[in-house]
PDB file of N, CA and C in Angstrom:
ATOM      1  N   MET A   1     -17.000  27.448 -42.272  1.00  0.00           N
ATOM      2  CA  MET A   1     -17.696  26.831 -41.902  1.00  0.00           C
ATOM      3  C   MET A   1     -17.758  27.325 -40.387  1.00  0.00           C
ATOM      4  N   ALA A   2     -19.174  27.447 -39.959  1.00  0.00           N
ATOM      5  CA  ALA A   2     -19.098  27.971 -38.777  1.00  0.00           C
ATOM      6  C   ALA A   2     -20.263  26.735 -38.002  1.00  0.00           C
ATOM      7  N   VAL A   3     -20.370  26.746 -36.612  1.00  0.00           N
ATOM      8  CA  VAL A   3     -21.120  26.092 -35.684  1.00  0.00           C
ATOM      9  C   VAL A   3     -22.527  26.657 -36.035  1.00  0.00           C
ATOM     10  N   GLY A   4     -23.553  25.400 -36.632  1.00  0.00           N
ATOM     11  CA  GLY A   4     -24.619  25.640 -36.790  1.00  0.00           C
ATOM     12  C   GLY A   4     -25.184  26.300 -38.169  1.00  0.00           C
ATOM     13  N   GLN A   5     -23.777  26.466 -39.136  1.00  0.00           N
ATOM     14  CA  GLN A   5     -24.477  26.890 -40.359  1.00  0.00           C
ATOM     15  C   GLN A   5     -25.040  25.571 -41.215  1.00  0.00           C
ATOM     16  N   LYS A   6     -26.237  25.889 -42.065  1.00  0.00           N
ATOM     17  CA  LYS A   6     -26.663  24.770 -42.701  1.00  0.00           C
ATOM     18  C   LYS A   6     -25.761  24.722 -44.164  1.00  0.00           C
ATOM     19  N   LEU A   7     -25.614  23.338 -44.540  1.00  0.00           N
ATOM     20  CA  LEU A   7     -24.650  22.869 -45.546  1.00  0.00           C
ATOM     21  C   LEU A   7     -25.778  22.762 -46.472  1.00  0.00           C
ATOM     22  N   LYS A   8     -25.404  22.739 -47.960  1.00  0.00           N
ATOM     23  CA  LYS A   8     -26.190  21.964 -48.919  1.00  0.00           C
ATOM     24  C   LYS A   8     -25.409  20.787 -49.467  1.00  0.00           C
ATOM     25  N   VAL A   9     -26.183  19.524 -49.334  1.00  0.00           N
ATOM     26  CA  VAL A   9     -25.454  18.137 -49.735  1.00  0.00           C
ATOM     27  C   VAL A   9     -26.344  17.708 -51.036  1.00  0.00           C
ATOM     28  N   PRO A  10     -25.653  17.742 -51.884  1.00  0.00           N
ATOM     29  CA  PRO A  10     -26.115  17.308 -53.274  1.00  0.00           C
ATOM     30  C   PRO A  10     -26.958  15.941 -53.208  1.00  0.00           C
ATOM     31  N   TYR A  11     -27.944  15.897 -53.829  1.00  0.00           N
ATOM     32  CA  TYR A  11     -28.727  14.484 -53.679  1.00  0.00           C
ATOM     33  C   TYR A  11     -27.896  13.263 -54.532  1.00  0.00           C
ATOM     34  N   THR A  12     -27.692  12.661 -53.953  1.00  0.00           N
ATOM     35  CA  THR A  12     -26.835  11.208 -54.543  1.00  0.00           C
ATOM     36  C   THR A  12     -27.997   9.983 -54.637  1.00  0.00           C
ATOM     37  N   ALA A  13     -28.319   9.915 -55.579  1.00  0.00           N
ATOM     38  CA  ALA A  13     -29.142   8.426 -55.688  1.00  0.00           C
ATOM     39  C   ALA A  13     -28.522   7.305 -55.715  1.00  0.00           C
ATOM     40  N   GLU A  14     -29.060   6.159 -55.160  1.00  0.00           N
ATOM     41  CA  GLU A  14     -28.596   5.079 -54.864  1.00  0.00           C
ATOM     42  C   GLU A  14     -28.500   4.332 -56.371  1.00  0.00           C
ATOM     43  N   PHE A  15     -27.833   3.212 -56.563  1.00  0.00           N
ATOM     44  CA  PHE A  15     -27.639   2.926 -57.890  1.00  0.00           C
ATOM     45  C   PHE A  15     -29.009   1.629 -58.085  1.00  0.00           C
ATOM     46  N   THR A  16     -29.252   1.089 -59.163  1.00  0.00           N
ATOM     47  CA  THR A  16     -30.054   0.463 -59.282  1.00  0.00           C
ATOM     48  C   THR A  16     -29.860  -0.812 -59.983  1.00  0.00           C
ATOM     49  N   TYR A  17     -30.019  -2.027 -59.591  1.00  0.00           N
ATOM     50  CA  TYR A  17     -29.474  -3.279 -60.079  1.00  0.00           C
ATOM     51  C   TYR A  17     -30.607  -4.247 -60.536  1.00  0.00           C
ATOM     52  N   HIS A  18     -30.455  -5.126 -61.410  1.00  0.00           N
ATOM     53  CA  HIS A  18     -31.559  -5.857 -62.024  1.00  0.00           C
ATOM     54  C   HIS A  18     -30.674  -7.524 -62.114  1.00  0.00           C
ATOM     55  N   LYS A  19     -31.955  -8.313 -61.649  1.00  0.00           N
ATOM     56  CA  LYS A  19     -31.216  -9.565 -61.879  1.00  0.00           C
ATOM     57  C   LYS A  19     -31.868 -10.150 -63.088  1.00  0.00           C
ATOM     58  N   VAL A  20     -30.762 -10.590 -63.994  1.00  0.00           N
ATOM     59  CA  VAL A  20     -31.229 -10.998 -64.964  1.00  0.00           C
ATOM     60  C   VAL A  20     -32.179 -12.526 -65.255  1.00  0.00           C
ATOM     61  N   THR A  21     -33.275 -12.030 -65.883  1.00  0.00           N
ATOM     62  CA  THR A  21     -34.087 -13.282 -66.206  1.00  0.00           C
ATOM     63  C   THR A  21     -33.835 -13.743 -67.925  1.00  0.00           C
ATOM     64  N   LYS A  22     -34.640 -15.141 -68.047  1.00  0.00           N
ATOM     65  CA  LYS A  22     -34.692 -15.551 -69.193  1.00  0.00           C
ATOM     66  C   LYS A  22     -35.443 -14.596 -70.157  1.00  0.00           C
ATOM     67  N   GLY A  23     -34.641 -14.090 -71.407  1.00  0.00           N
ATOM     68  CA  GLY A  23     -35.176 -13.219 -72.022  1.00  0.00           C
ATOM     69  C   GLY A  23     -34.792 -11.710 -71.951  1.00  0.00           C
ATOM     70  N   ASP A  24     -34.277 -11.502 -71.002  1.00  0.00           N
ATOM     71  CA  ASP A  24     -33.643  -9.973 -70.713  1.00  0.00           C
ATOM     72  C   ASP A  24     -32.329  -9.842 -71.816  1.00  0.00           C
ATOM     73  N   THR A  25     -32.621  -8.640 -72.347  1.00  0.00           N
ATOM     74  CA  THR A  25     -31.304  -7.888 -73.130  1.00  0.00           C
ATOM     75  C   THR A  25     -31.119  -6.510 -72.603  1.00  0.00           C
ATOM     76  N   VAL A  26     -29.629  -6.306 -72.744  1.00  0.00           N
ATOM     77  CA  VAL A  26     -29.384  -4.921 -72.713  1.00  0.00           C
ATOM     78  C   VAL A  26     -30.347  -3.972 -72.927  1.00  0.00           C
ATOM     79  N   SER A  27     -30.877  -3.919 -74.417  1.00  0.00           N
ATOM     80  CA  SER A  27     -31.257  -3.244 -74.911  1.00  0.00           C
ATOM     81  C   SER A  27     -32.813  -2.930 -74.205  1.00  0.00           C
ATOM     82  N   ASP A  28     -33.465  -4.153 -73.696  1.00  0.00           N
ATOM     83  CA  ASP A  28     -34.858  -3.755 -73.230  1.00  0.00           C
ATOM     84  C   ASP A  28     -34.343  -3.285 -71.729  1.00  0.00           C
ATOM     85  N   LEU A  29     -33.434  -3.705 -71.131  1.00  0.00           N
ATOM     86  CA  LEU A  29     -33.176  -3.289 -69.993  1.00  0.00           C
ATOM     87  C   LEU A  29     -32.986  -1.615 -69.862  1.00  0.00           C
ATOM     88  N   ALA A  30     -32.194  -1.275 -70.704  1.00  0.00           N
ATOM     89  CA  ALA A  30     -31.995   0.042 -70.958  1.00  0.00           C
ATOM     90  C   ALA A  30     -32.990   0.961 -71.082  1.00  0.00           C
ATOM     91  N   LYS A  31     -33.948   0.630 -71.824  1.00  0.00           N
ATOM     92  CA  LYS A  31     -35.447   1.342 -72.016  1.00  0.00           C
ATOM     93  C   LYS A  31     -36.016   1.150 -70.745  1.00  0.00           C
ATOM     94  N   LYS A  32     -36.252  -0.265 -70.091  1.00  0.00           N
ATOM     95  CA  LYS A  32     -36.954  -0.128 -69.208  1.00  0.00           C
ATOM     96  C   LYS A  32     -36.602   0.578 -67.595  1.00  0.00           C
ATOM     97  N   TYR A  33     -35.525   0.993 -67.709  1.00  0.00           N
ATOM     98  CA  TYR A  33     -34.738   2.109 -66.394  1.00  0.00           C
ATOM     99  C   TYR A  33     -34.258   3.174 -66.957  1.00  0.00           C
ATOM    100  N   GLY A  34     -34.690   3.524 -68.134  1.00  0.00           N
ATOM    101  CA  GLY A  34     -34.164   5.017 -68.691  1.00  0.00           C
ATOM    102  C   GLY A  34     -32.653   5.264 -68.776  1.00  0.00           C
ATOM    103  N   SER A  35     -31.910   4.016 -69.244  1.00  0.00           N
ATOM    104  CA  SER A  35     -30.612   4.274 -69.379  1.00  0.00           C
ATOM    105  C   SER A  35     -30.184   4.069 -70.624  1.00  0.00           C
ATOM    106  N   THR A  36     -29.079   4.003 -70.697  1.00  0.00           N
ATOM    107  CA  THR A  36     -28.595   3.837 -72.255  1.00  0.00           C
ATOM    108  C   THR A  36     -27.795   2.281 -72.514  1.00  0.00           C
ATOM    109  N   ILE A  37     -27.789   1.611 -73.392  1.00  0.00           N
ATOM    110  CA  ILE A  37     -26.958   0.506 -73.255  1.00  0.00           C
ATOM    111  C   ILE A  37     -25.223   0.827 -73.161  1.00  0.00           C
ATOM    112  N   LYS A  38     -24.965   1.897 -73.575  1.00  0.00           N
ATOM    113  CA  LYS A  38     -23.531   2.219 -73.389  1.00  0.00           C
ATOM    114  C   LYS A  38     -23.322   2.205 -71.677  1.00  0.00           C
ATOM    115  N   GLN A  39     -24.397   2.972 -71.303  1.00  0.00           N
ATOM    116  CA  GLN A  39     -24.099   2.936 -69.508  1.00  0.00           C
ATOM    117  C   GLN A  39     -24.200   2.021 -68.831  1.00  0.00           C
ATOM    118  N   ILE A  40     -24.636   1.230 -69.273  1.00  0.00           N
ATOM    119  CA  ILE A  40     -25.070  -0.299 -68.915  1.00  0.00           C
ATOM    120  C   ILE A  40     -23.481  -0.977 -68.843  1.00  0.00           C
ATOM    121  N   LYS A  41     -23.207  -0.896 -70.326  1.00  0.00           N
ATOM    122  CA  LYS A  41     -21.745  -1.746 -70.702  1.00  0.00           C
ATOM    123  C   LYS A  41     -20.545  -1.376 -69.867  1.00  0.00           C
ATOM    124  N   VAL A  42     -20.715  -0.058 -69.639  1.00  0.00           N
ATOM    125  CA  VAL A  42     -19.599   0.512 -68.912  1.00  0.00           C
ATOM    126  C   VAL A  42     -19.733   0.360 -67.507  1.00  0.00           C
ATOM    127  N   TRP A  43     -20.968   0.543 -66.873  1.00  0.00           N
ATOM    128  CA  TRP A  43     -21.121   0.091 -65.166  1.00  0.00           C
ATOM    129  C   TRP A  43     -20.843  -1.426 -64.866  1.00  0.00           C
ATOM    130  N   ASN A  44     -21.005  -2.419 -65.960  1.00  0.00           N
ATOM    131  CA  ASN A  44     -20.778  -3.667 -65.710  1.00  0.00           C
ATOM    132  C   ASN A  44     -20.001  -4.459 -66.394  1.00  0.00           C
ATOM    133  N   ASP A  45     -18.663  -3.764 -67.118  1.00  0.00           N
ATOM    134  CA  ASP A  45     -17.603  -3.731 -67.954  1.00  0.00           C
ATOM    135  C   ASP A  45     -18.074  -5.173 -68.903  1.00  0.00           C
ATOM    136  N   LEU A  46     -18.798  -4.963 -69.762  1.00  0.00           N
ATOM    137  CA  LEU A  46     -19.541  -5.878 -70.553  1.00  0.00           C
ATOM    138  C   LEU A  46     -18.675  -5.847 -71.819  1.00  0.00           C
ATOM    139  N   ASP A  47     -18.456  -7.066 -72.503  1.00  0.00           N
ATOM    140  CA  ASP A  47     -17.908  -7.020 -73.823  1.00  0.00           C
ATOM    141  C   ASP A  47     -18.799  -6.218 -74.728  1.00  0.00           C
ATOM    142  N   ARG A  48     -18.282  -6.306 -76.259  1.00  0.00           N
ATOM    143  CA  ARG A  48     -18.996  -5.769 -77.459  1.00  0.00           C
ATOM    144  C   ARG A  48     -19.999  -6.244 -77.527  1.00  0.00           C
ATOM    145  N   LYS A  49     -20.529  -7.425 -77.388  1.00  0.00           N
ATOM    146  CA  LYS A  49     -21.711  -8.267 -77.469  1.00  0.00           C
ATOM    147  C   LYS A  49     -22.750  -8.373 -76.576  1.00  0.00           C
ATOM    148  N   TYR A  50     -22.494  -7.641 -75.398  1.00  0.00           N
ATOM    149  CA  TYR A  50     -23.413  -6.963 -74.207  1.00  0.00           C
ATOM    150  C   TYR A  50     -23.796  -8.538 -73.572  1.00  0.00           C
ATOM    151  N   ASN A  51     -22.923  -9.508 -73.445  1.00  0.00           N
ATOM    152  CA  ASN A  51     -23.246 -10.790 -72.805  1.00  0.00           C
ATOM    153  C   ASN A  51     -23.436 -10.629 -71.395  1.00  0.00           C
ATOM    154  N   ILE A  52     -25.215 -11.022 -71.479  1.00  0.00           N
ATOM    155  CA  ILE A  52     -25.378 -11.302 -69.931  1.00  0.00           C
ATOM    156  C   ILE A  52     -25.850 -12.642 -69.655  1.00  0.00           C
ATOM    157  N   ILE A  53     -26.106 -12.987 -68.230  1.00  0.00           N
ATOM    158  CA  ILE A  53     -26.229 -14.633 -68.129  1.00  0.00           C
ATOM    159  C   ILE A  53     -27.336 -14.298 -66.951  1.00  0.00           C
ATOM    160  N   ILE A  54     -28.257 -15.369 -67.192  1.00  0.00           N
ATOM    161  CA  ILE A  54     -29.277 -15.256 -66.173  1.00  0.00           C
ATOM    162  C   ILE A  54     -29.103 -15.753 -64.717  1.00  0.00           C
ATOM    163  N   GLY A  55     -29.496 -14.816 -63.698  1.00  0.00           N
ATOM    164  CA  GLY A  55     -29.234 -14.919 -62.697  1.00  0.00           C
ATOM    165  C   GLY A  55     -28.227 -13.967 -62.089  1.00  0.00           C
ATOM    166  N   GLN A  56     -27.669 -13.275 -63.210  1.00  0.00           N
ATOM    167  CA  GLN A  56     -26.603 -12.146 -62.941  1.00  0.00           C
ATOM    168  C   GLN A  56     -26.961 -10.851 -62.470  1.00  0.00           C
ATOM    169  N   LYS A  57     -26.238 -10.164 -61.711  1.00  0.00           N
ATOM    170  CA  LYS A  57     -26.956  -9.033 -60.884  1.00  0.00           C
ATOM    171  C   LYS A  57     -26.272  -7.733 -61.499  1.00  0.00           C
ATOM    172  N   ILE A  58     -26.702  -6.811 -62.390  1.00  0.00           N
ATOM    173  CA  ILE A  58     -26.094  -5.763 -63.039  1.00  0.00           C
ATOM    174  C   ILE A  58     -27.048  -4.459 -62.568  1.00  0.00           C
ATOM    175  N   ARG A  59     -26.047  -3.644 -62.613  1.00  0.00           N
ATOM    176  CA  ARG A  59     -26.618  -2.038 -62.767  1.00  0.00           C
ATOM    177  C   ARG A  59     -27.074  -1.834 -63.473  1.00  0.00           C
ATOM    178  N   VAL A  60     -28.134  -0.956 -63.525  1.00  0.00           N
ATOM    179  CA  VAL A  60     -29.089  -0.405 -64.585  1.00  0.00           C
ATOM    180  C   VAL A  60     -29.280   0.993 -64.505  1.00  0.00           C
ATOM    181  N   LYS A  61     -28.966   1.491 -63.400  1.00  0.00           N
ATOM    182  CA  LYS A  61     -29.146   2.889 -63.198  1.00  0.00           C
ATOM    183  C   LYS A  61     -28.397   3.520 -62.332  1.00  0.00           C
TER     184      LYS A  61
END
């Protein structure tokens, strides 16, 4: 590395969160945000039934 040298910094996207409303399902949110059920489950430490609660803020992307 030298003074004035340009560095390439990889793009890092911000996470996207969704506030759960009545009728939301993990499956619908995965489709809406282009994620997968499995990703949403891991990001939010959801159990096998994918229980989400109205008002809960979950990572969806």
